Structure formats: structure tokens, C-alpha cells
Amino acid sequence: MAAVENLLIDGERVPSADGRTFETVNPANGEVFRTVAEAGAEDADRAVRAAARAFEDWGTRTPIQRAKVLHRWADLIEAHAEELALIETRDMGMAIGDARWCAGNAAAVMRYYAGAVDKFFGSTIPVDRDGIVLTFREPIGVTALITPWNFPLNIGNWKTAPALAAGNTVVLKPASLSPLSVLRYAELGLEAGCPRVRSTSCPGREARSATRSSSTRSSAKSASRGRPRSASRLRARPRERSSG
């Protein structure tokens, strides 16, 4: 029996708290491709707490220090581009040519934000003859990022790279239909030198709401890409909390 693809939380591959799993299917032949740990509410909360601890380190690093890590990550994505492309093709059915382009784009986007790290500037605003107003751009903390099944590697990277470049930490929840390229991408980030900076949950349907609930309770910002109904539910969470 093939090994289960566990969650990536606090820099380690771990099973889900309740031991649940789900299967991903290769669309080309209808056969099971991998068995994946299914995150639940406890796992989502654990991921957010881990990302909050990591922010104490990552959020205080200098722009140059963060840029070095992101450049190494881009190098690793390039070095493992064929592996990532094959995972994408088998996990979600993307044509191999397109999947190879996506892997190259992921490296290019990561390198772009590595170069942008030291270019997040504040403003100096003259308000009168005797004074000025200064604005500063600072990291906000944990960001909870929720991505759809199509283009999982690229959409996850488009959200993750700028968040990390700005000094934030990330909990990334890929779609349960195609989570595997994101898990491998996250492992490469750890290899690049992100010291437990990224905590990635890889859930099934139940954990979609669990991750959103965690994000509104414990993290500074959340972003979701998918159906309008899903976005509406995400926006409603803070209202539910404040009125409860």
C-alpha cells in the first residue's frame, strides 16, 4: 500500500488529527493517484498557531534575508520543474506542456517577488509647513490562503509569494481535488530555508470551512479564490463571530 501524503504543518509532514484520509484520482485513467491526509478543524487551528509562532521570526527578518530565501526557493522550483509538472498532470489532468509552463511560471513569479522584497516603501506626506506625515509598510501576521482546483501550483504561488515577501506567514489550503503539487512546493520552501514559515493544510471538504474559521479567529488576513458562494461564506465569518 502506498504511503499516505500527510499534511505539512509546522515544518513537518504529519497525519490528520483524526486519522481521516481521502483519495485523489488521475483524470486520465480514473485510477487512484494518491491517498492524502484529510485535515479537520483541529489541524487547521494547529496550522494557524504554527504560522503565528513562525511570524515571530520571519516577520522580523530584514528584506535582504527574506529575498535570499525566496531566490533559493525559485531555484529549487526550477530544479524540480519536471517533477512538479508530472504531479500536476497526474493529480488534476493538466496537459504536460501546460504543466511545464506552469512550473516555469511559478519559479519566475517567486523570483519576481524576491526582487520586490526591498522595494515596499512607505510615504512621506507634507501636511503643513511645520510637519510631515510618515507612513510605514509592515507585515500584518498570518495570512490564510484558499485556492481552487485549477492551476493549484500557480494560484497558490501567486498568493504565497507576495505574502511571504512582505514578511507575513502563510497557511495555504489547496483544493482537495488537486493538493499534491502544493504540498511538494511547500516542501521545497522549507528546503530553501523557510524555517517553518509556511504551514500548509491539505484538507477535504470539511476542512474548507475549518480553515476559514481558523483564519477569521487567529490570522490577520485571508484570501479565497473560487466560487462566489464560497467567498460569501468567508466574508460572513467575522460577522458571525462578532454577533455571537
C-alpha atoms as a PDB file:
ATOM      1  CA  MET A   1       0.000   0.000   0.000  1.00  0.00           C
ATOM      2  CA  ALA A   2       1.382   3.418  -0.966  1.00  0.00           C
ATOM      3  CA  ALA A   3       2.288   5.831   1.809  1.00  0.00           C
ATOM      4  CA  VAL A   4      -0.236   8.489   2.715  1.00  0.00           C
ATOM      5  CA  GLU A   5       0.563  12.062   1.649  1.00  0.00           C
ATOM      6  CA  ASN A   6       0.436  13.724   5.048  1.00  0.00           C
ATOM      7  CA  LEU A   7      -0.266  17.346   5.883  1.00  0.00           C
ATOM      8  CA  LEU A   8       2.584  19.824   6.150  1.00  0.00           C
ATOM      9  CA  ILE A   9       2.214  21.679   9.448  1.00  0.00           C
ATOM     10  CA  ASP A  10       4.909  23.468  11.450  1.00  0.00           C
ATOM     11  CA  GLY A  11       7.580  22.288   9.052  1.00  0.00           C
ATOM     12  CA  GLU A  12       6.754  18.589   9.345  1.00  0.00           C
ATOM     13  CA  ARG A  13       4.665  16.032   7.481  1.00  0.00           C
ATOM     14  CA  VAL A  14       2.013  14.850   9.924  1.00  0.00           C
ATOM     15  CA  PRO A  15      -1.203  12.803   9.714  1.00  0.00           C
ATOM     16  CA  SER A  16      -4.521  14.481  10.361  1.00  0.00           C
ATOM     17  CA  ALA A  17      -5.567  14.634  13.990  1.00  0.00           C
ATOM     18  CA  ASP A  18      -8.462  12.214  13.470  1.00  0.00           C
ATOM     19  CA  GLY A  19      -6.602   9.976  11.005  1.00  0.00           C
ATOM     20  CA  ARG A  20      -9.004  10.621   8.137  1.00  0.00           C
ATOM     21  CA  THR A  21      -7.804  10.416   4.529  1.00  0.00           C
ATOM     22  CA  PHE A  22      -9.202  10.902   1.038  1.00  0.00           C
ATOM     23  CA  GLU A  23      -8.113   9.812  -2.430  1.00  0.00           C
ATOM     24  CA  THR A  24      -7.123  11.872  -5.436  1.00  0.00           C
ATOM     25  CA  VAL A  25      -7.856  10.406  -8.865  1.00  0.00           C
ATOM     26  CA  ASN A  26      -5.824  10.636 -12.054  1.00  0.00           C
ATOM     27  CA  PRO A  27      -8.338  12.071 -14.557  1.00  0.00           C
ATOM     28  CA  ALA A  28      -6.563  10.395 -17.468  1.00  0.00           C
ATOM     29  CA  ASN A  29      -7.408   6.864 -16.370  1.00  0.00           C
ATOM     30  CA  GLY A  30      -9.801   7.194 -13.415  1.00  0.00           C
ATOM     31  CA  GLU A  31      -7.390   5.385 -11.099  1.00  0.00           C
ATOM     32  CA  VAL A  32      -6.457   6.480  -7.603  1.00  0.00           C
ATOM     33  CA  PHE A  33      -3.270   8.530  -7.762  1.00  0.00           C
ATOM     34  CA  ARG A  34      -2.565   9.191  -4.075  1.00  0.00           C
ATOM     35  CA  THR A  35      -4.136   8.865  -0.650  1.00  0.00           C
ATOM     36  CA  VAL A  36      -3.979  12.167   1.229  1.00  0.00           C
ATOM     37  CA  ALA A  37      -4.470  13.070   4.880  1.00  0.00           C
ATOM     38  CA  GLU A  38      -7.713  14.999   5.347  1.00  0.00           C
ATOM     39  CA  ALA A  39      -7.334  17.995   7.642  1.00  0.00           C
ATOM     40  CA  GLY A  40     -10.095  18.954  10.033  1.00  0.00           C
ATOM     41  CA  ALA A  41     -10.763  21.823  12.403  1.00  0.00           C
ATOM     42  CA  GLU A  42      -8.059  20.774  14.866  1.00  0.00           C
ATOM     43  CA  ASP A  43      -5.462  20.557  12.095  1.00  0.00           C
ATOM     44  CA  ALA A  44      -6.438  23.959  10.709  1.00  0.00           C
ATOM     45  CA  ASP A  45      -6.156  25.544  14.148  1.00  0.00           C
ATOM     46  CA  ARG A  46      -2.786  23.869  14.664  1.00  0.00           C
ATOM     47  CA  ALA A  47      -1.537  25.226  11.322  1.00  0.00           C
ATOM     48  CA  VAL A  48      -2.601  28.775  12.171  1.00  0.00           C
ATOM     49  CA  ARG A  49      -0.925  28.604  15.590  1.00  0.00           C
ATOM     50  CA  ALA A  50       2.285  27.321  13.991  1.00  0.00           C
ATOM     51  CA  ALA A  51       2.247  30.127  11.426  1.00  0.00           C
ATOM     52  CA  ALA A  52       1.737  32.654  14.236  1.00  0.00           C
ATOM     53  CA  ARG A  53       4.830  31.334  16.018  1.00  0.00           C
ATOM     54  CA  ALA A  54       6.810  31.423  12.773  1.00  0.00           C
ATOM     55  CA  PHE A  55       5.826  35.055  12.257  1.00  0.00           C
ATOM     56  CA  GLU A  56       7.861  35.990  15.345  1.00  0.00           C
ATOM     57  CA  ASP A  57      10.957  35.027  13.321  1.00  0.00           C
ATOM     58  CA  TRP A  58      10.016  35.686   9.688  1.00  0.00           C
ATOM     59  CA  GLY A  59       8.291  38.995  10.355  1.00  0.00           C
ATOM     60  CA  THR A  60      11.441  40.444  11.939  1.00  0.00           C
ATOM     61  CA  ARG A  61      13.858  39.382   9.203  1.00  0.00           C
ATOM     62  CA  THR A  62      15.353  42.067   7.014  1.00  0.00           C
ATOM     63  CA  PRO A  63      14.169  42.358   3.408  1.00  0.00           C
ATOM     64  CA  ILE A  64      17.533  41.073   2.172  1.00  0.00           C
ATOM     65  CA  GLN A  65      17.272  37.989   4.393  1.00  0.00           C
ATOM     66  CA  ARG A  66      13.783  37.221   3.098  1.00  0.00           C
ATOM     67  CA  ALA A  67      14.881  37.803  -0.505  1.00  0.00           C
ATOM     68  CA  LYS A  68      17.702  35.255  -0.211  1.00  0.00           C
ATOM     69  CA  VAL A  69      15.248  32.574   0.899  1.00  0.00           C
ATOM     70  CA  LEU A  70      12.791  33.330  -1.890  1.00  0.00           C
ATOM     71  CA  HIS A  71      15.564  33.293  -4.511  1.00  0.00           C
ATOM     72  CA  ARG A  72      16.654  29.854  -3.253  1.00  0.00           C
ATOM     73  CA  TRP A  73      13.054  28.703  -3.424  1.00  0.00           C
ATOM     74  CA  ALA A  74      12.811  29.853  -7.044  1.00  0.00           C
ATOM     75  CA  ASP A  75      16.000  27.919  -7.832  1.00  0.00           C
ATOM     76  CA  LEU A  76      14.523  24.769  -6.292  1.00  0.00           C
ATOM     77  CA  ILE A  77      11.268  25.142  -8.211  1.00  0.00           C
ATOM     78  CA  GLU A  78      13.302  25.350 -11.424  1.00  0.00           C
ATOM     79  CA  ALA A  79      15.386  22.323 -10.439  1.00  0.00           C
ATOM     80  CA  HIS A  80      12.233  20.292  -9.707  1.00  0.00           C
ATOM     81  CA  ALA A  81      10.122  21.708 -12.533  1.00  0.00           C
ATOM     82  CA  GLU A  82       9.638  18.375 -14.309  1.00  0.00           C
ATOM     83  CA  GLU A  83       8.641  16.656 -11.081  1.00  0.00           C
ATOM     84  CA  LEU A  84       6.106  19.388 -10.305  1.00  0.00           C
ATOM     85  CA  ALA A  85       4.736  19.243 -13.858  1.00  0.00           C
ATOM     86  CA  LEU A  86       4.210  15.482 -13.690  1.00  0.00           C
ATOM     87  CA  ILE A  87       2.439  15.781 -10.346  1.00  0.00           C
ATOM     88  CA  GLU A  88       0.161  18.462 -11.778  1.00  0.00           C
ATOM     89  CA  THR A  89      -0.685  16.362 -14.816  1.00  0.00           C
ATOM     90  CA  ARG A  90      -1.454  13.200 -12.857  1.00  0.00           C
ATOM     91  CA  ASP A  91      -3.249  14.910  -9.997  1.00  0.00           C
ATOM     92  CA  MET A  92      -5.537  17.316 -11.857  1.00  0.00           C
ATOM     93  CA  GLY A  93      -5.320  16.366 -15.535  1.00  0.00           C
ATOM     94  CA  MET A  94      -3.427  19.317 -16.969  1.00  0.00           C
ATOM     95  CA  ALA A  95      -1.695  18.686 -20.301  1.00  0.00           C
ATOM     96  CA  ILE A  96       2.009  18.092 -19.701  1.00  0.00           C
ATOM     97  CA  GLY A  97       3.079  21.022 -21.892  1.00  0.00           C
ATOM     98  CA  ASP A  98       0.876  23.377 -19.918  1.00  0.00           C
ATOM     99  CA  ALA A  99       2.054  21.880 -16.641  1.00  0.00           C
ATOM    100  CA  ARG A 100       5.692  22.501 -17.598  1.00  0.00           C
ATOM    101  CA  TRP A 101       4.845  26.118 -18.386  1.00  0.00           C
ATOM    102  CA  CYS A 102       3.140  26.431 -15.006  1.00  0.00           C
ATOM    103  CA  ALA A 103       6.204  25.152 -13.178  1.00  0.00           C
ATOM    104  CA  GLY A 104       8.388  27.659 -15.007  1.00  0.00           C
ATOM    105  CA  ASN A 105       5.934  30.438 -14.239  1.00  0.00           C
ATOM    106  CA  ALA A 106       5.964  29.513 -10.537  1.00  0.00           C
ATOM    107  CA  ALA A 107       9.740  29.950 -10.438  1.00  0.00           C
ATOM    108  CA  ALA A 108       9.541  33.252 -12.326  1.00  0.00           C
ATOM    109  CA  VAL A 109       6.853  34.681 -10.034  1.00  0.00           C
ATOM    110  CA  MET A 110       8.760  33.637  -6.920  1.00  0.00           C
ATOM    111  CA  ARG A 111      11.885  35.319  -8.301  1.00  0.00           C
ATOM    112  CA  TYR A 112       9.893  38.469  -9.114  1.00  0.00           C
ATOM    113  CA  TYR A 113       8.751  38.830  -5.523  1.00  0.00           C
ATOM    114  CA  ALA A 114      12.212  38.003  -4.228  1.00  0.00           C
ATOM    115  CA  GLY A 115      13.355  41.060  -6.154  1.00  0.00           C
ATOM    116  CA  ALA A 116      10.445  43.146  -4.856  1.00  0.00           C
ATOM    117  CA  VAL A 117      11.108  42.434  -1.171  1.00  0.00           C
ATOM    118  CA  ASP A 118      13.272  45.513  -0.581  1.00  0.00           C
ATOM    119  CA  LYS A 119      11.018  47.808  -2.627  1.00  0.00           C
ATOM    120  CA  PHE A 120       7.990  48.005  -0.330  1.00  0.00           C
ATOM    121  CA  PHE A 121       8.203  51.675   0.607  1.00  0.00           C
ATOM    122  CA  GLY A 122       6.146  53.937   2.813  1.00  0.00           C
ATOM    123  CA  SER A 123       5.402  57.587   2.040  1.00  0.00           C
ATOM    124  CA  THR A 124       6.418  60.992   3.266  1.00  0.00           C
ATOM    125  CA  ILE A 125       3.414  63.329   3.138  1.00  0.00           C
ATOM    126  CA  PRO A 126       3.784  67.084   3.705  1.00  0.00           C
ATOM    127  CA  VAL A 127       0.756  68.250   5.679  1.00  0.00           C
ATOM    128  CA  ASP A 128       1.806  71.817   6.505  1.00  0.00           C
ATOM    129  CA  ARG A 129       4.913  73.979   6.782  1.00  0.00           C
ATOM    130  CA  ASP A 130       5.770  72.700  10.264  1.00  0.00           C
ATOM    131  CA  GLY A 131       5.404  68.961   9.894  1.00  0.00           C
ATOM    132  CA  ILE A 132       5.107  65.870   7.762  1.00  0.00           C
ATOM    133  CA  VAL A 133       3.302  62.538   7.999  1.00  0.00           C
ATOM    134  CA  LEU A 134       5.242  59.293   7.581  1.00  0.00           C
ATOM    135  CA  THR A 135       3.640  56.009   6.562  1.00  0.00           C
ATOM    136  CA  PHE A 136       5.224  52.593   7.025  1.00  0.00           C
ATOM    137  CA  ARG A 137       4.513  49.257   5.371  1.00  0.00           C
ATOM    138  CA  GLU A 138       4.798  46.474   7.922  1.00  0.00           C
ATOM    139  CA  PRO A 139       3.936  42.754   7.952  1.00  0.00           C
ATOM    140  CA  ILE A 140       0.471  42.036   9.323  1.00  0.00           C
ATOM    141  CA  GLY A 141       0.935  38.446  10.521  1.00  0.00           C
ATOM    142  CA  VAL A 142      -0.639  35.158   9.463  1.00  0.00           C
ATOM    143  CA  THR A 143      -2.440  35.009   6.120  1.00  0.00           C
ATOM    144  CA  ALA A 144      -4.905  32.212   5.349  1.00  0.00           C
ATOM    145  CA  LEU A 145      -4.964  31.446   1.619  1.00  0.00           C
ATOM    146  CA  ILE A 146      -7.605  29.232  -0.005  1.00  0.00           C
ATOM    147  CA  THR A 147      -7.158  28.148  -3.613  1.00  0.00           C
ATOM    148  CA  PRO A 148      -9.273  26.304  -6.221  1.00  0.00           C
ATOM    149  CA  TRP A 149      -8.572  23.039  -8.007  1.00  0.00           C
ATOM    150  CA  ASN A 150      -7.433  24.502 -11.336  1.00  0.00           C
ATOM    151  CA  PHE A 151      -3.854  25.762 -11.598  1.00  0.00           C
ATOM    152  CA  PRO A 152      -3.179  24.727  -7.975  1.00  0.00           C
ATOM    153  CA  LEU A 153       0.573  25.351  -8.071  1.00  0.00           C
ATOM    154  CA  ASN A 154       0.342  28.724  -9.793  1.00  0.00           C
ATOM    155  CA  ILE A 155      -2.591  30.190  -7.907  1.00  0.00           C
ATOM    156  CA  GLY A 156      -1.098  29.033  -4.624  1.00  0.00           C
ATOM    157  CA  ASN A 157       2.207  30.616  -5.576  1.00  0.00           C
ATOM    158  CA  TRP A 158       0.600  33.861  -6.764  1.00  0.00           C
ATOM    159  CA  LYS A 159      -0.876  34.273  -3.286  1.00  0.00           C
ATOM    160  CA  THR A 160       2.001  32.877  -1.226  1.00  0.00           C
ATOM    161  CA  ALA A 161       4.990  34.646  -2.787  1.00  0.00           C
ATOM    162  CA  PRO A 162       3.830  38.255  -2.185  1.00  0.00           C
ATOM    163  CA  ALA A 163       2.579  37.422   1.314  1.00  0.00           C
ATOM    164  CA  LEU A 164       5.950  35.977   2.317  1.00  0.00           C
ATOM    165  CA  ALA A 165       7.881  38.730   0.542  1.00  0.00           C
ATOM    166  CA  ALA A 166       6.058  41.289   2.674  1.00  0.00           C
ATOM    167  CA  GLY A 167       7.088  39.453   5.843  1.00  0.00           C
ATOM    168  CA  ASN A 168       3.869  37.567   6.574  1.00  0.00           C
ATOM    169  CA  THR A 169       3.449  33.857   7.197  1.00  0.00           C
ATOM    170  CA  VAL A 170       1.019  31.611   5.366  1.00  0.00           C
ATOM    171  CA  VAL A 171      -1.486  28.842   5.903  1.00  0.00           C
ATOM    172  CA  LEU A 172      -2.294  27.577   2.417  1.00  0.00           C
ATOM    173  CA  LYS A 173      -5.334  25.368   1.845  1.00  0.00           C
ATOM    174  CA  PRO A 174      -5.315  23.821  -1.632  1.00  0.00           C
ATOM    175  CA  ALA A 175      -8.421  22.228  -3.104  1.00  0.00           C
ATOM    176  CA  SER A 176      -8.915  18.598  -2.164  1.00  0.00           C
ATOM    177  CA  LEU A 177      -9.247  17.707  -5.862  1.00  0.00           C
ATOM    178  CA  SER A 178      -5.625  18.669  -6.594  1.00  0.00           C
ATOM    179  CA  PRO A 179      -3.478  19.247  -3.487  1.00  0.00           C
ATOM    180  CA  LEU A 180      -0.269  17.409  -4.336  1.00  0.00           C
ATOM    181  CA  SER A 181       1.755  19.965  -6.295  1.00  0.00           C
ATOM    182  CA  VAL A 182       1.162  22.481  -3.498  1.00  0.00           C
ATOM    183  CA  LEU A 183       2.444  20.039  -0.878  1.00  0.00           C
ATOM    184  CA  ARG A 184       5.623  19.452  -2.873  1.00  0.00           C
ATOM    185  CA  TYR A 185       6.012  23.193  -3.492  1.00  0.00           C
ATOM    186  CA  ALA A 186       5.764  23.814   0.250  1.00  0.00           C
ATOM    187  CA  GLU A 187       8.426  21.199   0.962  1.00  0.00           C
ATOM    188  CA  LEU A 188      10.759  22.987  -1.442  1.00  0.00           C
ATOM    189  CA  GLY A 189      10.139  26.183   0.508  1.00  0.00           C
ATOM    190  CA  LEU A 190      11.338  24.511   3.694  1.00  0.00           C
ATOM    191  CA  GLU A 191      14.393  23.208   1.859  1.00  0.00           C
ATOM    192  CA  ALA A 192      15.096  26.752   0.653  1.00  0.00           C
ATOM    193  CA  GLY A 193      15.358  27.930   4.233  1.00  0.00           C
ATOM    194  CA  CYS A 194      11.870  28.930   5.292  1.00  0.00           C
ATOM    195  CA  PRO A 195      12.227  27.823   8.932  1.00  0.00           C
ATOM    196  CA  ARG A 196       8.700  26.510   9.487  1.00  0.00           C
ATOM    197  CA  VAL A 197       7.488  29.726   7.900  1.00  0.00           C
ATOM    198  CA  ARG A 198       4.773  28.052   5.886  1.00  0.00           C
ATOM    199  CA  SER A 199       2.159  25.761   7.324  1.00  0.00           C
ATOM    200  CA  THR A 200       0.153  24.011   4.649  1.00  0.00           C
ATOM    201  CA  SER A 201      -3.114  22.201   5.339  1.00  0.00           C
ATOM    202  CA  CYS A 202      -4.297  19.728   2.719  1.00  0.00           C
ATOM    203  CA  PRO A 203      -7.912  19.046   3.610  1.00  0.00           C
ATOM    204  CA  GLY A 204     -11.058  17.529   2.253  1.00  0.00           C
ATOM    205  CA  ARG A 205     -14.394  19.303   2.056  1.00  0.00           C
ATOM    206  CA  GLU A 206     -14.944  19.552   5.810  1.00  0.00           C
ATOM    207  CA  ALA A 207     -11.679  21.366   6.440  1.00  0.00           C
ATOM    208  CA  ARG A 208     -12.511  24.066   3.891  1.00  0.00           C
ATOM    209  CA  SER A 209     -14.805  25.724   6.436  1.00  0.00           C
ATOM    210  CA  ALA A 210     -12.468  24.771   9.281  1.00  0.00           C
ATOM    211  CA  THR A 211      -9.557  26.643   7.744  1.00  0.00           C
ATOM    212  CA  ARG A 212     -11.739  29.673   7.105  1.00  0.00           C
ATOM    213  CA  SER A 213     -12.975  29.613  10.682  1.00  0.00           C
ATOM    214  CA  SER A 214      -9.388  29.468  11.925  1.00  0.00           C
ATOM    215  CA  SER A 215      -8.373  32.319   9.670  1.00  0.00           C
ATOM    216  CA  THR A 216     -11.010  34.693  10.954  1.00  0.00           C
ATOM    217  CA  ARG A 217     -10.237  33.884  14.597  1.00  0.00           C
ATOM    218  CA  SER A 218      -6.460  33.903  14.559  1.00  0.00           C
ATOM    219  CA  SER A 219      -4.957  35.377  11.412  1.00  0.00           C
ATOM    220  CA  ALA A 220      -4.659  38.907  10.149  1.00  0.00           C
ATOM    221  CA  LYS A 221      -5.837  38.409   6.574  1.00  0.00           C
ATOM    222  CA  SER A 222      -7.475  35.790   4.407  1.00  0.00           C
ATOM    223  CA  ALA A 223      -7.835  35.377   0.653  1.00  0.00           C
ATOM    224  CA  SER A 224     -10.001  32.965  -1.283  1.00  0.00           C
ATOM    225  CA  ARG A 225     -10.236  32.208  -4.988  1.00  0.00           C
ATOM    226  CA  GLY A 226     -13.154  30.124  -6.130  1.00  0.00           C
ATOM    227  CA  ARG A 227     -16.936  30.248  -6.373  1.00  0.00           C
ATOM    228  CA  PRO A 228     -18.834  33.386  -5.294  1.00  0.00           C
ATOM    229  CA  ARG A 229     -20.757  31.301  -2.742  1.00  0.00           C
ATOM    230  CA  SER A 230     -17.502  30.323  -1.046  1.00  0.00           C
ATOM    231  CA  ALA A 231     -16.339  33.933  -0.894  1.00  0.00           C
ATOM    232  CA  SER A 232     -19.661  34.966   0.630  1.00  0.00           C
ATOM    233  CA  ARG A 233     -19.263  32.387   3.368  1.00  0.00           C
ATOM    234  CA  LEU A 234     -15.763  33.598   4.096  1.00  0.00           C
ATOM    235  CA  ARG A 235     -16.899  37.217   4.373  1.00  0.00           C
ATOM    236  CA  ALA A 236     -19.703  36.186   6.715  1.00  0.00           C
ATOM    237  CA  ARG A 237     -17.388  34.592   9.285  1.00  0.00           C
ATOM    238  CA  PRO A 238     -16.309  37.807  11.038  1.00  0.00           C
ATOM    239  CA  ARG A 239     -19.933  38.953  11.247  1.00  0.00           C
ATOM    240  CA  GLU A 240     -20.944  35.637  12.794  1.00  0.00           C
ATOM    241  CA  ARG A 241     -18.153  35.902  15.332  1.00  0.00           C
ATOM    242  CA  SER A 242     -18.917  39.498  16.295  1.00  0.00           C
ATOM    243  CA  SER A 243     -22.644  38.890  16.628  1.00  0.00           C
ATOM    244  CA  GLY A 244     -22.188  35.626  18.583  1.00  0.00           C
END
